């Protein structure tokens, strides 16, 4: 897989979000919904997590 600048930024943002989201969810008590989507930039599936309060 060839990693482009856009793919790198998306991956870095997802990693940063994955570290912060559980801490926020624990504080607010929201429900987490995990969805798999196809990312054309990465050329593969990725997980998108949403918080519903």
PDB file of N, CA and C in Angstrom:
ATOM      1  N   UNK A   1       0.837  -1.175   0.000  1.00  0.00           N
ATOM      2  CA  UNK A   1       0.000   0.000   0.000  1.00  0.00           C
ATOM      3  C   UNK A   1       0.884   1.241   0.000  1.00  0.00           C
ATOM      4  N   UNK A   2       0.626   2.148  -0.912  1.00  0.00           N
ATOM      5  CA  UNK A   2       1.368   3.396  -1.004  1.00  0.00           C
ATOM      6  C   UNK A   2       0.691   4.432  -0.120  1.00  0.00           C
ATOM      7  N   UNK A   3       1.428   4.999   0.815  1.00  0.00           N
ATOM      8  CA  UNK A   3       0.865   5.952   1.767  1.00  0.00           C
ATOM      9  C   UNK A   3       1.076   7.368   1.255  1.00  0.00           C
ATOM     10  N   UNK A   4      -0.005   8.073   0.991  1.00  0.00           N
ATOM     11  CA  UNK A   4       0.054   9.460   0.535  1.00  0.00           C
ATOM     12  C   UNK A   4      -0.020  10.400   1.738  1.00  0.00           C
ATOM     13  N   UNK A   5       0.171  11.664   1.486  1.00  0.00           N
ATOM     14  CA  UNK A   5       0.100  12.636   2.578  1.00  0.00           C
ATOM     15  C   UNK A   5      -1.305  12.656   3.178  1.00  0.00           C
ATOM     16  N   UNK A   6      -2.314  12.598   2.310  1.00  0.00           N
ATOM     17  CA  UNK A   6      -3.697  12.605   2.791  1.00  0.00           C
ATOM     18  C   UNK A   6      -3.981  11.362   3.626  1.00  0.00           C
ATOM     19  N   UNK A   7      -3.519  10.211   3.154  1.00  0.00           N
ATOM     20  CA  UNK A   7      -3.715   8.976   3.901  1.00  0.00           C
ATOM     21  C   UNK A   7      -3.027   9.019   5.252  1.00  0.00           C
ATOM     22  N   UNK A   8      -1.830   9.606   5.287  1.00  0.00           N
ATOM     23  CA  UNK A   8      -1.100   9.731   6.546  1.00  0.00           C
ATOM     24  C   UNK A   8      -1.850  10.629   7.520  1.00  0.00           C
ATOM     25  N   UNK A   9      -2.367  11.762   7.026  1.00  0.00           N
ATOM     26  CA  UNK A   9      -3.094  12.678   7.901  1.00  0.00           C
ATOM     27  C   UNK A   9      -4.365  12.040   8.444  1.00  0.00           C
ATOM     28  N   UNK A  10      -5.064  11.279   7.591  1.00  0.00           N
ATOM     29  CA  UNK A  10      -6.285  10.600   8.032  1.00  0.00           C
ATOM     30  C   UNK A  10      -5.950   9.569   9.103  1.00  0.00           C
ATOM     31  N   UNK A  11      -4.890   8.810   8.883  1.00  0.00           N
ATOM     32  CA  UNK A  11      -4.477   7.791   9.849  1.00  0.00           C
ATOM     33  C   UNK A  11      -4.055   8.425  11.169  1.00  0.00           C
ATOM     34  N   UNK A  12      -3.292   9.513  11.100  1.00  0.00           N
ATOM     35  CA  UNK A  12      -2.842  10.197  12.316  1.00  0.00           C
ATOM     36  C   UNK A  12      -4.019  10.781  13.085  1.00  0.00           C
ATOM     37  N   UNK A  13      -4.988  11.359  12.364  1.00  0.00           N
ATOM     38  CA  UNK A  13      -6.165  11.921  13.030  1.00  0.00           C
ATOM     39  C   UNK A  13      -6.996  10.825  13.690  1.00  0.00           C
ATOM     40  N   UNK A  14      -7.134   9.689  13.009  1.00  0.00           N
ATOM     41  CA  UNK A  14      -7.898   8.578  13.580  1.00  0.00           C
ATOM     42  C   UNK A  14      -7.223   8.043  14.840  1.00  0.00           C
ATOM     43  N   UNK A  15      -5.899   7.957  14.813  1.00  0.00           N
ATOM     44  CA  UNK A  15      -5.177   7.470  15.988  1.00  0.00           C
ATOM     45  C   UNK A  15      -5.329   8.441  17.165  1.00  0.00           C
ATOM     46  N   UNK A  16      -5.252   9.723  16.880  1.00  0.00           N
ATOM     47  CA  UNK A  16      -5.429  10.718  17.943  1.00  0.00           C
ATOM     48  C   UNK A  16      -6.827  10.694  18.516  1.00  0.00           C
ATOM     49  N   UNK A  17      -7.815  10.527  17.647  1.00  0.00           N
ATOM     50  CA  UNK A  17      -9.204  10.460  18.094  1.00  0.00           C
ATOM     51  C   UNK A  17      -9.448   9.212  18.925  1.00  0.00           C
ATOM     52  N   UNK A  18      -8.844   8.108  18.523  1.00  0.00           N
ATOM     53  CA  UNK A  18      -9.037   6.847  19.250  1.00  0.00           C
ATOM     54  C   UNK A  18      -8.510   6.940  20.678  1.00  0.00           C
ATOM     55  N   UNK A  19      -7.519   7.783  20.903  1.00  0.00           N
ATOM     56  CA  UNK A  19      -6.980   7.939  22.255  1.00  0.00           C
ATOM     57  C   UNK A  19      -7.852   8.857  23.111  1.00  0.00           C
ATOM     58  N   UNK A  20      -8.508   9.846  22.486  1.00  0.00           N
ATOM     59  CA  UNK A  20      -9.262  10.853  23.232  1.00  0.00           C
ATOM     60  C   UNK A  20     -10.711  10.441  23.463  1.00  0.00           C
ATOM     61  N   UNK A  21     -11.338   9.787  22.489  1.00  0.00           N
ATOM     62  CA  UNK A  21     -12.771   9.487  22.547  1.00  0.00           C
ATOM     63  C   UNK A  21     -13.162   8.660  23.778  1.00  0.00           C
ATOM     64  N   UNK A  22     -12.445   7.587  24.122  1.00  0.00           N
ATOM     65  CA  UNK A  22     -12.871   6.819  25.307  1.00  0.00           C
ATOM     66  C   UNK A  22     -12.866   7.647  26.598  1.00  0.00           C
ATOM     67  N   UNK A  23     -11.934   8.583  26.716  1.00  0.00           N
ATOM     68  CA  UNK A  23     -11.897   9.427  27.910  1.00  0.00           C
ATOM     69  C   UNK A  23     -13.113  10.343  27.955  1.00  0.00           C
ATOM     70  N   UNK A  24     -13.486  10.907  26.812  1.00  0.00           N
ATOM     71  CA  UNK A  24     -14.653  11.794  26.759  1.00  0.00           C
ATOM     72  C   UNK A  24     -15.934  11.002  27.016  1.00  0.00           C
ATOM     73  N   UNK A  25     -16.031   9.812  26.423  1.00  0.00           N
ATOM     74  CA  UNK A  25     -17.229   8.992  26.599  1.00  0.00           C
ATOM     75  C   UNK A  25     -17.405   8.575  28.057  1.00  0.00           C
ATOM     76  N   UNK A  26     -16.312   8.291  28.726  1.00  0.00           N
ATOM     77  CA  UNK A  26     -16.393   7.895  30.127  1.00  0.00           C
ATOM     78  C   UNK A  26     -16.909   9.045  30.987  1.00  0.00           C
ATOM     79  N   UNK A  27     -16.539  10.257  30.636  1.00  0.00           N
ATOM     80  CA  UNK A  27     -16.976  11.421  31.406  1.00  0.00           C
ATOM     81  C   UNK A  27     -18.433  11.782  31.141  1.00  0.00           C
ATOM     82  N   UNK A  28     -18.850  11.703  29.876  1.00  0.00           N
ATOM     83  CA  UNK A  28     -20.190  12.167  29.518  1.00  0.00           C
ATOM     84  C   UNK A  28     -21.244  11.067  29.561  1.00  0.00           C
ATOM     85  N   UNK A  29     -20.839   9.813  29.480  1.00  0.00           N
ATOM     86  CA  UNK A  29     -21.797   8.726  29.529  1.00  0.00           C
ATOM     87  C   UNK A  29     -22.556   8.521  28.237  1.00  0.00           C
ATOM     88  N   UNK A  30     -22.011   8.963  27.112  1.00  0.00           N
ATOM     89  CA  UNK A  30     -22.677   8.804  25.826  1.00  0.00           C
ATOM     90  C   UNK A  30     -22.565   7.385  25.297  1.00  0.00           C
ATOM     91  N   UNK A  31     -23.400   7.089  24.301  1.00  0.00           N
ATOM     92  CA  UNK A  31     -23.385   5.777  23.655  1.00  0.00           C
ATOM     93  C   UNK A  31     -22.520   5.872  22.398  1.00  0.00           C
ATOM     94  N   UNK A  32     -21.624   4.893  22.206  1.00  0.00           N
ATOM     95  CA  UNK A  32     -20.741   4.900  21.050  1.00  0.00           C
ATOM     96  C   UNK A  32     -21.296   3.998  19.960  1.00  0.00           C
ATOM     97  N   UNK A  33     -21.304   4.496  18.716  1.00  0.00           N
ATOM     98  CA  UNK A  33     -21.759   3.723  17.564  1.00  0.00           C
ATOM     99  C   UNK A  33     -20.588   3.584  16.606  1.00  0.00           C
ATOM    100  N   UNK A  34     -20.221   2.351  16.286  1.00  0.00           N
ATOM    101  CA  UNK A  34     -19.094   2.067  15.406  1.00  0.00           C
ATOM    102  C   UNK A  34     -19.617   1.655  14.037  1.00  0.00           C
ATOM    103  N   UNK A  35     -19.125   2.308  12.980  1.00  0.00           N
ATOM    104  CA  UNK A  35     -19.544   2.034  11.613  1.00  0.00           C
ATOM    105  C   UNK A  35     -18.314   1.815  10.749  1.00  0.00           C
ATOM    106  N   UNK A  36     -18.357   0.834   9.859  1.00  0.00           N
ATOM    107  CA  UNK A  36     -17.269   0.611   8.914  1.00  0.00           C
ATOM    108  C   UNK A  36     -17.604   1.308   7.606  1.00  0.00           C
ATOM    109  N   UNK A  37     -16.653   2.081   7.083  1.00  0.00           N
ATOM    110  CA  UNK A  37     -16.837   2.786   5.816  1.00  0.00           C
ATOM    111  C   UNK A  37     -15.636   2.520   4.919  1.00  0.00           C
ATOM    112  N   UNK A  38     -15.852   2.615   3.597  1.00  0.00           N
ATOM    113  CA  UNK A  38     -14.756   2.453   2.652  1.00  0.00           C
ATOM    114  C   UNK A  38     -14.115   3.817   2.415  1.00  0.00           C
ATOM    115  N   UNK A  39     -12.825   3.913   2.652  1.00  0.00           N
ATOM    116  CA  UNK A  39     -12.073   5.151   2.462  1.00  0.00           C
ATOM    117  C   UNK A  39     -11.316   5.062   1.145  1.00  0.00           C
ATOM    118  N   UNK A  40     -11.706   5.878   0.172  1.00  0.00           N
ATOM    119  CA  UNK A  40     -11.064   5.838  -1.142  1.00  0.00           C
ATOM    120  C   UNK A  40      -9.603   6.272  -1.067  1.00  0.00           C
ATOM    121  N   UNK A  41      -9.284   7.206  -0.184  1.00  0.00           N
ATOM    122  CA  UNK A  41      -7.912   7.695  -0.054  1.00  0.00           C
ATOM    123  C   UNK A  41      -6.976   6.588   0.430  1.00  0.00           C
ATOM    124  N   UNK A  42      -7.442   5.786   1.372  1.00  0.00           N
ATOM    125  CA  UNK A  42      -6.621   4.698   1.906  1.00  0.00           C
ATOM    126  C   UNK A  42      -6.762   3.436   1.071  1.00  0.00           C
ATOM    127  N   UNK A  43      -7.870   3.323   0.348  1.00  0.00           N
ATOM    128  CA  UNK A  43      -8.111   2.129  -0.450  1.00  0.00           C
ATOM    129  C   UNK A  43      -8.508   0.929   0.380  1.00  0.00           C
ATOM    130  N   UNK A  44      -9.094   1.182   1.551  1.00  0.00           N
ATOM    131  CA  UNK A  44      -9.503   0.086   2.425  1.00  0.00           C
ATOM    132  C   UNK A  44     -10.632   0.552   3.336  1.00  0.00           C
ATOM    133  N   UNK A  45     -11.123  -0.371   4.136  1.00  0.00           N
ATOM    134  CA  UNK A  45     -12.179  -0.051   5.094  1.00  0.00           C
ATOM    135  C   UNK A  45     -11.561   0.573   6.343  1.00  0.00           C
ATOM    136  N   UNK A  46     -12.320   1.463   6.978  1.00  0.00           N
ATOM    137  CA  UNK A  46     -11.878   2.009   8.253  1.00  0.00           C
ATOM    138  C   UNK A  46     -13.085   2.183   9.163  1.00  0.00           C
ATOM    139  N   UNK A  47     -12.817   2.250  10.428  1.00  0.00           N
ATOM    140  CA  UNK A  47     -13.882   2.368  11.418  1.00  0.00           C
ATOM    141  C   UNK A  47     -14.131   3.837  11.741  1.00  0.00           C
ATOM    142  N   UNK A  48     -15.404   4.214  11.815  1.00  0.00           N
ATOM    143  CA  UNK A  48     -15.798   5.561  12.212  1.00  0.00           C
ATOM    144  C   UNK A  48     -16.656   5.415  13.460  1.00  0.00           C
ATOM    145  N   UNK A  49     -16.251   6.092  14.505  1.00  0.00           N
ATOM    146  CA  UNK A  49     -16.957   5.996  15.775  1.00  0.00           C
ATOM    147  C   UNK A  49     -17.661   7.299  16.069  1.00  0.00           C
ATOM    148  N   UNK A  50     -18.961   7.225  16.404  1.00  0.00           N
ATOM    149  CA  UNK A  50     -19.749   8.406  16.743  1.00  0.00           C
ATOM    150  C   UNK A  50     -20.221   8.300  18.177  1.00  0.00           C
ATOM    151  N   UNK A  51     -20.344   9.442  18.821  1.00  0.00           N
ATOM    152  CA  UNK A  51     -20.901   9.493  20.169  1.00  0.00           C
ATOM    153  C   UNK A  51     -22.308  10.048  20.095  1.00  0.00           C
ATOM    154  N   UNK A  52     -23.273   9.343  20.699  1.00  0.00           N
ATOM    155  CA  UNK A  52     -24.650   9.800  20.763  1.00  0.00           C
ATOM    156  C   UNK A  52     -24.969  10.036  22.231  1.00  0.00           C
ATOM    157  N   UNK A  53     -25.383  11.247  22.548  1.00  0.00           N
ATOM    158  CA  UNK A  53     -25.656  11.600  23.945  1.00  0.00           C
ATOM    159  C   UNK A  53     -27.085  11.400  24.305  1.00  0.00           C
TER     160      UNK A  53
END
